[in-house]
mmCIF file of all heavy atoms, coordinates in Angstrom:
data_MODEL
# 
_entry.id   MODEL 
# 
loop_
_atom_site.group_PDB 
_atom_site.id 
_atom_site.type_symbol 
_atom_site.label_atom_id 
_atom_site.label_alt_id 
_atom_site.label_comp_id 
_atom_site.label_asym_id 
_atom_site.label_entity_id 
_atom_site.label_seq_id 
_atom_site.pdbx_PDB_ins_code 
_atom_site.Cartn_x 
_atom_site.Cartn_y 
_atom_site.Cartn_z 
_atom_site.occupancy 
_atom_site.B_iso_or_equiv 
_atom_site.pdbx_formal_charge 
_atom_site.auth_seq_id 
_atom_site.auth_comp_id 
_atom_site.auth_asym_id 
_atom_site.auth_atom_id 
_atom_site.pdbx_PDB_model_num 
ATOM 1   N N   . GLU A 1 1  ? -11.718 1.935   0.077   1.00 0.00 ? 1  GLU A N   1 
ATOM 2   C CA  . GLU A 1 1  ? -12.925 1.196   -0.380  1.00 0.00 ? 1  GLU A CA  1 
ATOM 3   C C   . GLU A 1 1  ? -12.860 0.871   -1.852  1.00 0.00 ? 1  GLU A C   1 
ATOM 4   O O   . GLU A 1 1  ? -13.286 -0.150  -2.365  1.00 0.00 ? 1  GLU A O   1 
ATOM 5   C CB  . GLU A 1 1  ? -14.217 1.998   -0.029  1.00 0.00 ? 1  GLU A CB  1 
ATOM 6   C CG  . GLU A 1 1  ? -15.564 1.212   -0.134  1.00 0.00 ? 1  GLU A CG  1 
ATOM 7   C CD  . GLU A 1 1  ? -15.636 0.268   0.951   1.00 0.00 ? 1  GLU A CD  1 
ATOM 8   O OE1 . GLU A 1 1  ? -14.984 0.305   2.013   1.00 0.00 ? 1  GLU A OE1 1 
ATOM 9   O OE2 . GLU A 1 1  ? -16.528 -0.687  0.848   1.00 0.00 ? 1  GLU A OE2 1 
ATOM 10  N N   . SER A 1 2  ? -12.437 1.888   -2.616  1.00 0.00 ? 2  SER A N   1 
ATOM 11  C CA  . SER A 1 2  ? -12.321 1.662   -4.177  1.00 0.00 ? 2  SER A CA  1 
ATOM 12  C C   . SER A 1 2  ? -11.268 2.599   -4.597  1.00 0.00 ? 2  SER A C   1 
ATOM 13  O O   . SER A 1 2  ? -11.062 3.744   -3.995  1.00 0.00 ? 2  SER A O   1 
ATOM 14  C CB  . SER A 1 2  ? -13.674 1.960   -4.789  1.00 0.00 ? 2  SER A CB  1 
ATOM 15  O OG  . SER A 1 2  ? -14.123 3.215   -4.549  1.00 0.00 ? 2  SER A OG  1 
ATOM 16  N N   . PHE A 1 3  ? -10.675 2.345   -5.760  1.00 0.00 ? 3  PHE A N   1 
ATOM 17  C CA  . PHE A 1 3  ? -9.731  3.278   -6.356  1.00 0.00 ? 3  PHE A CA  1 
ATOM 18  C C   . PHE A 1 3  ? -9.744  2.946   -7.851  1.00 0.00 ? 3  PHE A C   1 
ATOM 19  O O   . PHE A 1 3  ? -10.131 1.876   -8.334  1.00 0.00 ? 3  PHE A O   1 
ATOM 20  C CB  . PHE A 1 3  ? -8.304  3.092   -5.761  1.00 0.00 ? 3  PHE A CB  1 
ATOM 21  C CG  . PHE A 1 3  ? -7.744  1.715   -5.892  1.00 0.00 ? 3  PHE A CG  1 
ATOM 22  C CD1 . PHE A 1 3  ? -6.936  1.375   -6.977  1.00 0.00 ? 3  PHE A CD1 1 
ATOM 23  C CD2 . PHE A 1 3  ? -8.087  0.720   -4.868  1.00 0.00 ? 3  PHE A CD2 1 
ATOM 24  C CE1 . PHE A 1 3  ? -6.492  -0.050  -6.959  1.00 0.00 ? 3  PHE A CE1 1 
ATOM 25  C CE2 . PHE A 1 3  ? -7.662  -0.519  -4.929  1.00 0.00 ? 3  PHE A CE2 1 
ATOM 26  C CZ  . PHE A 1 3  ? -6.717  -0.915  -5.997  1.00 0.00 ? 3  PHE A CZ  1 
ATOM 27  N N   . GLU A 1 4  ? -9.104  3.807   -8.629  1.00 0.00 ? 4  GLU A N   1 
ATOM 28  C CA  . GLU A 1 4  ? -9.105  3.741   -10.107 1.00 0.00 ? 4  GLU A CA  1 
ATOM 29  C C   . GLU A 1 4  ? -7.597  3.616   -10.530 1.00 0.00 ? 4  GLU A C   1 
ATOM 30  O O   . GLU A 1 4  ? -6.662  4.341   -9.791  1.00 0.00 ? 4  GLU A O   1 
ATOM 31  C CB  . GLU A 1 4  ? -9.769  4.912   -10.778 1.00 0.00 ? 4  GLU A CB  1 
ATOM 32  C CG  . GLU A 1 4  ? -11.264 4.807   -10.602 1.00 0.00 ? 4  GLU A CG  1 
ATOM 33  C CD  . GLU A 1 4  ? -11.937 5.870   -11.361 1.00 0.00 ? 4  GLU A CD  1 
ATOM 34  O OE1 . GLU A 1 4  ? -11.223 6.815   -11.953 1.00 0.00 ? 4  GLU A OE1 1 
ATOM 35  O OE2 . GLU A 1 4  ? -13.287 5.914   -11.432 1.00 0.00 ? 4  GLU A OE2 1 
ATOM 36  N N   . GLU A 1 5  ? -7.268  2.983   -11.685 1.00 0.00 ? 5  GLU A N   1 
ATOM 37  C CA  . GLU A 1 5  ? -5.897  2.893   -12.154 1.00 0.00 ? 5  GLU A CA  1 
ATOM 38  C C   . GLU A 1 5  ? -6.042  3.087   -13.686 1.00 0.00 ? 5  GLU A C   1 
ATOM 39  O O   . GLU A 1 5  ? -7.077  2.733   -14.312 1.00 0.00 ? 5  GLU A O   1 
ATOM 40  C CB  . GLU A 1 5  ? -5.287  1.506   -11.841 1.00 0.00 ? 5  GLU A CB  1 
ATOM 41  C CG  . GLU A 1 5  ? -4.989  1.381   -10.369 1.00 0.00 ? 5  GLU A CG  1 
ATOM 42  C CD  . GLU A 1 5  ? -4.481  -0.043  -10.125 1.00 0.00 ? 5  GLU A CD  1 
ATOM 43  O OE1 . GLU A 1 5  ? -5.215  -0.996  -10.394 1.00 0.00 ? 5  GLU A OE1 1 
ATOM 44  O OE2 . GLU A 1 5  ? -3.380  -0.162  -9.537  1.00 0.00 ? 5  GLU A OE2 1 
ATOM 45  N N   . LYS A 1 6  ? -5.054  3.658   -14.308 1.00 0.00 ? 6  LYS A N   1 
ATOM 46  C CA  . LYS A 1 6  ? -4.888  3.813   -15.649 1.00 0.00 ? 6  LYS A CA  1 
ATOM 47  C C   . LYS A 1 6  ? -3.983  2.779   -16.276 1.00 0.00 ? 6  LYS A C   1 
ATOM 48  O O   . LYS A 1 6  ? -2.837  2.606   -15.928 1.00 0.00 ? 6  LYS A O   1 
ATOM 49  C CB  . LYS A 1 6  ? -4.470  5.276   -15.959 1.00 0.00 ? 6  LYS A CB  1 
ATOM 50  C CG  . LYS A 1 6  ? -4.376  5.586   -17.420 1.00 0.00 ? 6  LYS A CG  1 
ATOM 51  C CD  . LYS A 1 6  ? -4.002  7.063   -17.655 1.00 0.00 ? 6  LYS A CD  1 
ATOM 52  C CE  . LYS A 1 6  ? -3.954  7.465   -19.052 1.00 0.00 ? 6  LYS A CE  1 
ATOM 53  N NZ  . LYS A 1 6  ? -3.461  8.804   -19.414 1.00 0.00 ? 6  LYS A NZ  1 
ATOM 54  N N   . VAL A 1 7  ? -4.434  2.321   -17.444 1.00 0.00 ? 7  VAL A N   1 
ATOM 55  C CA  . VAL A 1 7  ? -3.716  1.317   -18.177 1.00 0.00 ? 7  VAL A CA  1 
ATOM 56  C C   . VAL A 1 7  ? -2.570  2.089   -18.982 1.00 0.00 ? 7  VAL A C   1 
ATOM 57  O O   . VAL A 1 7  ? -2.851  2.932   -19.871 1.00 0.00 ? 7  VAL A O   1 
ATOM 58  C CB  . VAL A 1 7  ? -4.484  0.553   -19.166 1.00 0.00 ? 7  VAL A CB  1 
ATOM 59  C CG1 . VAL A 1 7  ? -3.733  -0.494  -19.931 1.00 0.00 ? 7  VAL A CG1 1 
ATOM 60  C CG2 . VAL A 1 7  ? -5.671  -0.241  -18.322 1.00 0.00 ? 7  VAL A CG2 1 
ATOM 61  N N   . MET A 1 8  ? -1.302  1.707   -18.767 1.00 0.00 ? 8  MET A N   1 
ATOM 62  C CA  . MET A 1 8  ? -0.185  2.434   -19.505 1.00 0.00 ? 8  MET A CA  1 
ATOM 63  C C   . MET A 1 8  ? 0.125   1.790   -20.788 1.00 0.00 ? 8  MET A C   1 
ATOM 64  O O   . MET A 1 8  ? 0.331   2.378   -21.749 1.00 0.00 ? 8  MET A O   1 
ATOM 65  C CB  . MET A 1 8  ? 1.015   2.473   -18.517 1.00 0.00 ? 8  MET A CB  1 
ATOM 66  C CG  . MET A 1 8  ? 0.747   3.128   -17.140 1.00 0.00 ? 8  MET A CG  1 
ATOM 67  S SD  . MET A 1 8  ? 0.250   4.780   -17.215 1.00 0.00 ? 8  MET A SD  1 
ATOM 68  C CE  . MET A 1 8  ? 1.634   5.532   -17.979 1.00 0.00 ? 8  MET A CE  1 
ATOM 69  N N   . GLN A 1 9  ? 0.265   0.450   -20.742 1.00 0.00 ? 9  GLN A N   1 
ATOM 70  C CA  . GLN A 1 9  ? 0.605   -0.397  -21.885 1.00 0.00 ? 9  GLN A CA  1 
ATOM 71  C C   . GLN A 1 9  ? 0.081   -1.773  -21.688 1.00 0.00 ? 9  GLN A C   1 
ATOM 72  O O   . GLN A 1 9  ? -0.139  -2.315  -20.612 1.00 0.00 ? 9  GLN A O   1 
ATOM 73  C CB  . GLN A 1 9  ? 2.069   -0.350  -22.204 1.00 0.00 ? 9  GLN A CB  1 
ATOM 74  C CG  . GLN A 1 9  ? 2.895   -0.976  -21.157 1.00 0.00 ? 9  GLN A CG  1 
ATOM 75  C CD  . GLN A 1 9  ? 4.322   -1.260  -21.548 1.00 0.00 ? 9  GLN A CD  1 
ATOM 76  O OE1 . GLN A 1 9  ? 4.532   -1.628  -22.757 1.00 0.00 ? 9  GLN A OE1 1 
ATOM 77  N NE2 . GLN A 1 9  ? 5.285   -1.077  -20.703 1.00 0.00 ? 9  GLN A NE2 1 
ATOM 78  N N   . VAL A 1 10 ? -0.188  -2.382  -22.858 1.00 0.00 ? 10 VAL A N   1 
ATOM 79  C CA  . VAL A 1 10 ? -0.571  -3.821  -22.941 1.00 0.00 ? 10 VAL A CA  1 
ATOM 80  C C   . VAL A 1 10 ? 0.482   -4.460  -23.935 1.00 0.00 ? 10 VAL A C   1 
ATOM 81  O O   . VAL A 1 10 ? 0.631   -4.128  -24.898 1.00 0.00 ? 10 VAL A O   1 
ATOM 82  C CB  . VAL A 1 10 ? -1.950  -4.049  -23.549 1.00 0.00 ? 10 VAL A CB  1 
ATOM 83  C CG1 . VAL A 1 10 ? -2.332  -5.546  -23.560 1.00 0.00 ? 10 VAL A CG1 1 
ATOM 84  C CG2 . VAL A 1 10 ? -3.075  -3.337  -22.531 1.00 0.00 ? 10 VAL A CG2 1 
ATOM 85  N N   . ARG A 1 11 ? 1.140   -5.628  -23.376 1.00 0.00 ? 11 ARG A N   1 
ATOM 86  C CA  . ARG A 1 11 ? 2.154   -6.198  -24.143 1.00 0.00 ? 11 ARG A CA  1 
ATOM 87  C C   . ARG A 1 11 ? 2.190   -7.708  -23.936 1.00 0.00 ? 11 ARG A C   1 
ATOM 88  O O   . ARG A 1 11 ? 1.416   -8.299  -23.053 1.00 0.00 ? 11 ARG A O   1 
ATOM 89  C CB  . ARG A 1 11 ? 3.517   -5.644  -23.635 1.00 0.00 ? 11 ARG A CB  1 
ATOM 90  C CG  . ARG A 1 11 ? 3.877   -5.791  -22.161 1.00 0.00 ? 11 ARG A CG  1 
ATOM 91  C CD  . ARG A 1 11 ? 5.274   -5.920  -21.971 1.00 0.00 ? 11 ARG A CD  1 
ATOM 92  N NE  . ARG A 1 11 ? 5.927   -7.114  -22.622 1.00 0.00 ? 11 ARG A NE  1 
ATOM 93  C CZ  . ARG A 1 11 ? 7.145   -7.121  -22.990 1.00 0.00 ? 11 ARG A CZ  1 
ATOM 94  N NH1 . ARG A 1 11 ? 7.959   -6.020  -22.928 1.00 0.00 ? 11 ARG A NH1 1 
ATOM 95  N NH2 . ARG A 1 11 ? 7.566   -8.232  -23.508 1.00 0.00 ? 11 ARG A NH2 1 
ATOM 96  N N   . TYR A 1 12 ? 3.000   -8.289  -24.824 1.00 0.00 ? 12 TYR A N   1 
ATOM 97  C CA  . TYR A 1 12 ? 3.138   -9.819  -24.768 1.00 0.00 ? 12 TYR A CA  1 
ATOM 98  C C   . TYR A 1 12 ? 4.057   -10.188 -23.551 1.00 0.00 ? 12 TYR A C   1 
ATOM 99  O O   . TYR A 1 12 ? 4.940   -9.481  -23.216 1.00 0.00 ? 12 TYR A O   1 
ATOM 100 C CB  . TYR A 1 12 ? 3.834   -10.227 -26.069 1.00 0.00 ? 12 TYR A CB  1 
ATOM 101 C CG  . TYR A 1 12 ? 4.324   -11.710 -26.109 1.00 0.00 ? 12 TYR A CG  1 
ATOM 102 C CD1 . TYR A 1 12 ? 3.533   -12.753 -26.179 1.00 0.00 ? 12 TYR A CD1 1 
ATOM 103 C CD2 . TYR A 1 12 ? 5.732   -11.800 -25.933 1.00 0.00 ? 12 TYR A CD2 1 
ATOM 104 C CE1 . TYR A 1 12 ? 4.097   -14.074 -26.238 1.00 0.00 ? 12 TYR A CE1 1 
ATOM 105 C CE2 . TYR A 1 12 ? 6.234   -13.039 -25.972 1.00 0.00 ? 12 TYR A CE2 1 
ATOM 106 C CZ  . TYR A 1 12 ? 5.446   -14.245 -26.102 1.00 0.00 ? 12 TYR A CZ  1 
ATOM 107 O OH  . TYR A 1 12 ? 5.903   -15.447 -26.084 1.00 0.00 ? 12 TYR A OH  1 
ATOM 108 N N   . ASP A 1 13 ? 3.685   -11.399 -22.990 1.00 0.00 ? 13 ASP A N   1 
ATOM 109 C CA  . ASP A 1 13 ? 4.552   -11.826 -22.024 1.00 0.00 ? 13 ASP A CA  1 
ATOM 110 C C   . ASP A 1 13 ? 4.936   -13.349 -22.349 1.00 0.00 ? 13 ASP A C   1 
ATOM 111 O O   . ASP A 1 13 ? 4.116   -14.098 -22.586 1.00 0.00 ? 13 ASP A O   1 
ATOM 112 C CB  . ASP A 1 13 ? 3.645   -11.871 -20.547 1.00 0.00 ? 13 ASP A CB  1 
ATOM 113 C CG  . ASP A 1 13 ? 4.564   -12.266 -19.374 1.00 0.00 ? 13 ASP A CG  1 
ATOM 114 O OD1 . ASP A 1 13 ? 5.783   -12.323 -19.544 1.00 0.00 ? 13 ASP A OD1 1 
ATOM 115 O OD2 . ASP A 1 13 ? 3.966   -12.572 -18.291 1.00 0.00 ? 13 ASP A OD2 1 
ATOM 116 N N   . PRO A 1 14 ? 6.188   -13.460 -22.274 1.00 0.00 ? 14 PRO A N   1 
ATOM 117 C CA  . PRO A 1 14 ? 6.690   -14.819 -22.730 1.00 0.00 ? 14 PRO A CA  1 
ATOM 118 C C   . PRO A 1 14 ? 6.509   -15.954 -21.678 1.00 0.00 ? 14 PRO A C   1 
ATOM 119 O O   . PRO A 1 14 ? 6.548   -17.106 -21.985 1.00 0.00 ? 14 PRO A O   1 
ATOM 120 C CB  . PRO A 1 14 ? 8.241   -14.596 -22.812 1.00 0.00 ? 14 PRO A CB  1 
ATOM 121 C CG  . PRO A 1 14 ? 8.559   -13.501 -21.934 1.00 0.00 ? 14 PRO A CG  1 
ATOM 122 C CD  . PRO A 1 14 ? 7.408   -12.657 -22.078 1.00 0.00 ? 14 PRO A CD  1 
ATOM 123 N N   . CYS A 1 15 ? 6.185   -15.567 -20.441 1.00 0.00 ? 15 CYS A N   1 
ATOM 124 C CA  . CYS A 1 15 ? 5.970   -16.526 -19.401 1.00 0.00 ? 15 CYS A CA  1 
ATOM 125 C C   . CYS A 1 15 ? 4.469   -17.086 -19.195 1.00 0.00 ? 15 CYS A C   1 
ATOM 126 O O   . CYS A 1 15 ? 4.305   -17.788 -18.332 1.00 0.00 ? 15 CYS A O   1 
ATOM 127 C CB  . CYS A 1 15 ? 6.528   -16.039 -18.054 1.00 0.00 ? 15 CYS A CB  1 
ATOM 128 S SG  . CYS A 1 15 ? 8.175   -15.624 -18.097 1.00 0.00 ? 15 CYS A SG  1 
ATOM 129 N N   . ARG A 1 16 ? 3.579   -16.512 -20.002 1.00 0.00 ? 16 ARG A N   1 
ATOM 130 C CA  . ARG A 1 16 ? 2.231   -16.940 -19.887 1.00 0.00 ? 16 ARG A CA  1 
ATOM 131 C C   . ARG A 1 16 ? 1.545   -16.787 -21.263 1.00 0.00 ? 16 ARG A C   1 
ATOM 132 O O   . ARG A 1 16 ? 2.110   -16.114 -22.127 1.00 0.00 ? 16 ARG A O   1 
ATOM 133 C CB  . ARG A 1 16 ? 1.458   -16.211 -18.800 1.00 0.00 ? 16 ARG A CB  1 
ATOM 134 C CG  . ARG A 1 16 ? 1.366   -14.684 -18.984 1.00 0.00 ? 16 ARG A CG  1 
ATOM 135 C CD  . ARG A 1 16 ? 0.849   -13.932 -17.711 1.00 0.00 ? 16 ARG A CD  1 
ATOM 136 N NE  . ARG A 1 16 ? 2.101   -13.861 -16.941 1.00 0.00 ? 16 ARG A NE  1 
ATOM 137 C CZ  . ARG A 1 16 ? 2.253   -14.509 -15.788 1.00 0.00 ? 16 ARG A CZ  1 
ATOM 138 N NH1 . ARG A 1 16 ? 1.363   -15.421 -15.355 1.00 0.00 ? 16 ARG A NH1 1 
ATOM 139 N NH2 . ARG A 1 16 ? 3.346   -14.368 -15.089 1.00 0.00 ? 16 ARG A NH2 1 
ATOM 140 N N   . SER A 1 17 ? 0.357   -17.424 -21.415 1.00 0.00 ? 17 SER A N   1 
ATOM 141 C CA  . SER A 1 17 ? -0.330  -17.324 -22.672 1.00 0.00 ? 17 SER A CA  1 
ATOM 142 C C   . SER A 1 17 ? -1.092  -16.014 -22.876 1.00 0.00 ? 17 SER A C   1 
ATOM 143 O O   . SER A 1 17 ? -1.362  -15.539 -23.957 1.00 0.00 ? 17 SER A O   1 
ATOM 144 C CB  . SER A 1 17 ? -1.267  -18.513 -22.835 1.00 0.00 ? 17 SER A CB  1 
ATOM 145 O OG  . SER A 1 17 ? -2.192  -18.482 -21.723 1.00 0.00 ? 17 SER A OG  1 
ATOM 146 N N   . ALA A 1 18 ? -1.533  -15.394 -21.752 1.00 0.00 ? 18 ALA A N   1 
ATOM 147 C CA  . ALA A 1 18 ? -2.244  -14.190 -21.943 1.00 0.00 ? 18 ALA A CA  1 
ATOM 148 C C   . ALA A 1 18 ? -1.289  -13.015 -21.939 1.00 0.00 ? 18 ALA A C   1 
ATOM 149 O O   . ALA A 1 18 ? -0.122  -12.982 -21.512 1.00 0.00 ? 18 ALA A O   1 
ATOM 150 C CB  . ALA A 1 18 ? -3.246  -14.009 -20.677 1.00 0.00 ? 18 ALA A CB  1 
ATOM 151 N N   . ASP A 1 19 ? -1.872  -11.806 -22.472 1.00 0.00 ? 19 ASP A N   1 
ATOM 152 C CA  . ASP A 1 19 ? -1.151  -10.632 -22.447 1.00 0.00 ? 19 ASP A CA  1 
ATOM 153 C C   . ASP A 1 19 ? -1.145  -9.921  -21.071 1.00 0.00 ? 19 ASP A C   1 
ATOM 154 O O   . ASP A 1 19 ? -2.027  -10.333 -20.266 1.00 0.00 ? 19 ASP A O   1 
ATOM 155 C CB  . ASP A 1 19 ? -1.671  -9.603  -23.533 1.00 0.00 ? 19 ASP A CB  1 
ATOM 156 C CG  . ASP A 1 19 ? -1.516  -10.076 -24.948 1.00 0.00 ? 19 ASP A CG  1 
ATOM 157 O OD1 . ASP A 1 19 ? -0.561  -10.907 -25.114 1.00 0.00 ? 19 ASP A OD1 1 
ATOM 158 O OD2 . ASP A 1 19 ? -2.254  -9.736  -25.764 1.00 0.00 ? 19 ASP A OD2 1 
ATOM 159 N N   . ILE A 1 20 ? -0.225  -9.076  -20.761 1.00 0.00 ? 20 ILE A N   1 
ATOM 160 C CA  . ILE A 1 20 ? -0.252  -8.349  -19.558 1.00 0.00 ? 20 ILE A CA  1 
ATOM 161 C C   . ILE A 1 20 ? -0.319  -6.906  -19.778 1.00 0.00 ? 20 ILE A C   1 
ATOM 162 O O   . ILE A 1 20 ? 0.000   -6.335  -20.822 1.00 0.00 ? 20 ILE A O   1 
ATOM 163 C CB  . ILE A 1 20 ? 1.003   -8.703  -18.690 1.00 0.00 ? 20 ILE A CB  1 
ATOM 164 C CG1 . ILE A 1 20 ? 2.263   -8.374  -19.487 1.00 0.00 ? 20 ILE A CG1 1 
ATOM 165 C CG2 . ILE A 1 20 ? 0.994   -10.179 -18.340 1.00 0.00 ? 20 ILE A CG2 1 
ATOM 166 C CD1 . ILE A 1 20 ? 3.562   -8.537  -18.673 1.00 0.00 ? 20 ILE A CD1 1 
ATOM 167 N N   . ALA A 1 21 ? -0.852  -6.126  -18.764 1.00 0.00 ? 21 ALA A N   1 
ATOM 168 C CA  . ALA A 1 21 ? -0.948  -4.774  -18.746 1.00 0.00 ? 21 ALA A CA  1 
ATOM 169 C C   . ALA A 1 21 ? -0.334  -4.068  -17.605 1.00 0.00 ? 21 ALA A C   1 
ATOM 170 O O   . ALA A 1 21 ? -0.365  -4.559  -16.477 1.00 0.00 ? 21 ALA A O   1 
ATOM 171 C CB  . ALA A 1 21 ? -2.411  -4.330  -18.767 1.00 0.00 ? 21 ALA A CB  1 
ATOM 172 N N   . LEU A 1 22 ? 0.349   -2.964  -17.925 1.00 0.00 ? 22 LEU A N   1 
ATOM 173 C CA  . LEU A 1 22 ? 0.957   -2.118  -16.891 1.00 0.00 ? 22 LEU A CA  1 
ATOM 174 C C   . LEU A 1 22 ? -0.045  -0.963  -16.519 1.00 0.00 ? 22 LEU A C   1 
ATOM 175 O O   . LEU A 1 22 ? -0.309  -0.183  -17.332 1.00 0.00 ? 22 LEU A O   1 
ATOM 176 C CB  . LEU A 1 22 ? 2.336   -1.562  -17.393 1.00 0.00 ? 22 LEU A CB  1 
ATOM 177 C CG  . LEU A 1 22 ? 3.104   -0.653  -16.514 1.00 0.00 ? 22 LEU A CG  1 
ATOM 178 C CD1 . LEU A 1 22 ? 3.570   -1.458  -15.241 1.00 0.00 ? 22 LEU A CD1 1 
ATOM 179 C CD2 . LEU A 1 22 ? 4.259   -0.036  -17.121 1.00 0.00 ? 22 LEU A CD2 1 
ATOM 180 N N   . VAL A 1 23 ? -0.447  -1.032  -15.223 1.00 0.00 ? 23 VAL A N   1 
ATOM 181 C CA  . VAL A 1 23 ? -1.436  -0.014  -14.779 1.00 0.00 ? 23 VAL A CA  1 
ATOM 182 C C   . VAL A 1 23 ? -0.648  0.848   -13.722 1.00 0.00 ? 23 VAL A C   1 
ATOM 183 O O   . VAL A 1 23 ? 0.243   0.445   -12.929 1.00 0.00 ? 23 VAL A O   1 
ATOM 184 C CB  . VAL A 1 23 ? -2.588  -0.779  -14.171 1.00 0.00 ? 23 VAL A CB  1 
ATOM 185 C CG1 . VAL A 1 23 ? -3.296  -1.539  -15.255 1.00 0.00 ? 23 VAL A CG1 1 
ATOM 186 C CG2 . VAL A 1 23 ? -2.358  -1.698  -13.042 1.00 0.00 ? 23 VAL A CG2 1 
ATOM 187 N N   . ALA A 1 24 ? -1.158  2.139   -13.576 1.00 0.00 ? 24 ALA A N   1 
ATOM 188 C CA  . ALA A 1 24 ? -0.512  2.982   -12.741 1.00 0.00 ? 24 ALA A CA  1 
ATOM 189 C C   . ALA A 1 24 ? -1.691  3.718   -11.955 1.00 0.00 ? 24 ALA A C   1 
ATOM 190 O O   . ALA A 1 24 ? -2.748  4.095   -12.450 1.00 0.00 ? 24 ALA A O   1 
ATOM 191 C CB  . ALA A 1 24 ? 0.269   4.022   -13.373 1.00 0.00 ? 24 ALA A CB  1 
ATOM 192 N N   . GLY A 1 25 ? -1.470  3.932   -10.647 1.00 0.00 ? 25 GLY A N   1 
ATOM 193 C CA  . GLY A 1 25 ? -2.444  4.571   -9.789  1.00 0.00 ? 25 GLY A CA  1 
ATOM 194 C C   . GLY A 1 25 ? -2.039  4.472   -8.352  1.00 0.00 ? 25 GLY A C   1 
ATOM 195 O O   . GLY A 1 25 ? -1.347  3.486   -7.901  1.00 0.00 ? 25 GLY A O   1 
ATOM 196 N N   . VAL A 1 26 ? -2.510  5.338   -7.526  1.00 0.00 ? 26 VAL A N   1 
ATOM 197 C CA  . VAL A 1 26 ? -2.267  5.365   -6.093  1.00 0.00 ? 26 VAL A CA  1 
ATOM 198 C C   . VAL A 1 26 ? -0.716  5.227   -5.797  1.00 0.00 ? 26 VAL A C   1 
ATOM 199 O O   . VAL A 1 26 ? -0.333  4.479   -5.050  1.00 0.00 ? 26 VAL A O   1 
ATOM 200 C CB  . VAL A 1 26 ? -3.059  4.204   -5.364  1.00 0.00 ? 26 VAL A CB  1 
ATOM 201 C CG1 . VAL A 1 26 ? -3.160  4.438   -3.929  1.00 0.00 ? 26 VAL A CG1 1 
ATOM 202 C CG2 . VAL A 1 26 ? -4.380  3.906   -6.012  1.00 0.00 ? 26 VAL A CG2 1 
# 
């Protein structure tokens, strides 16, 4: 029904204009 994840890092992505985040959980 629901779950939580933790953000490991936020970094630049050369393939898109927005930044991306590595999340871990489950």
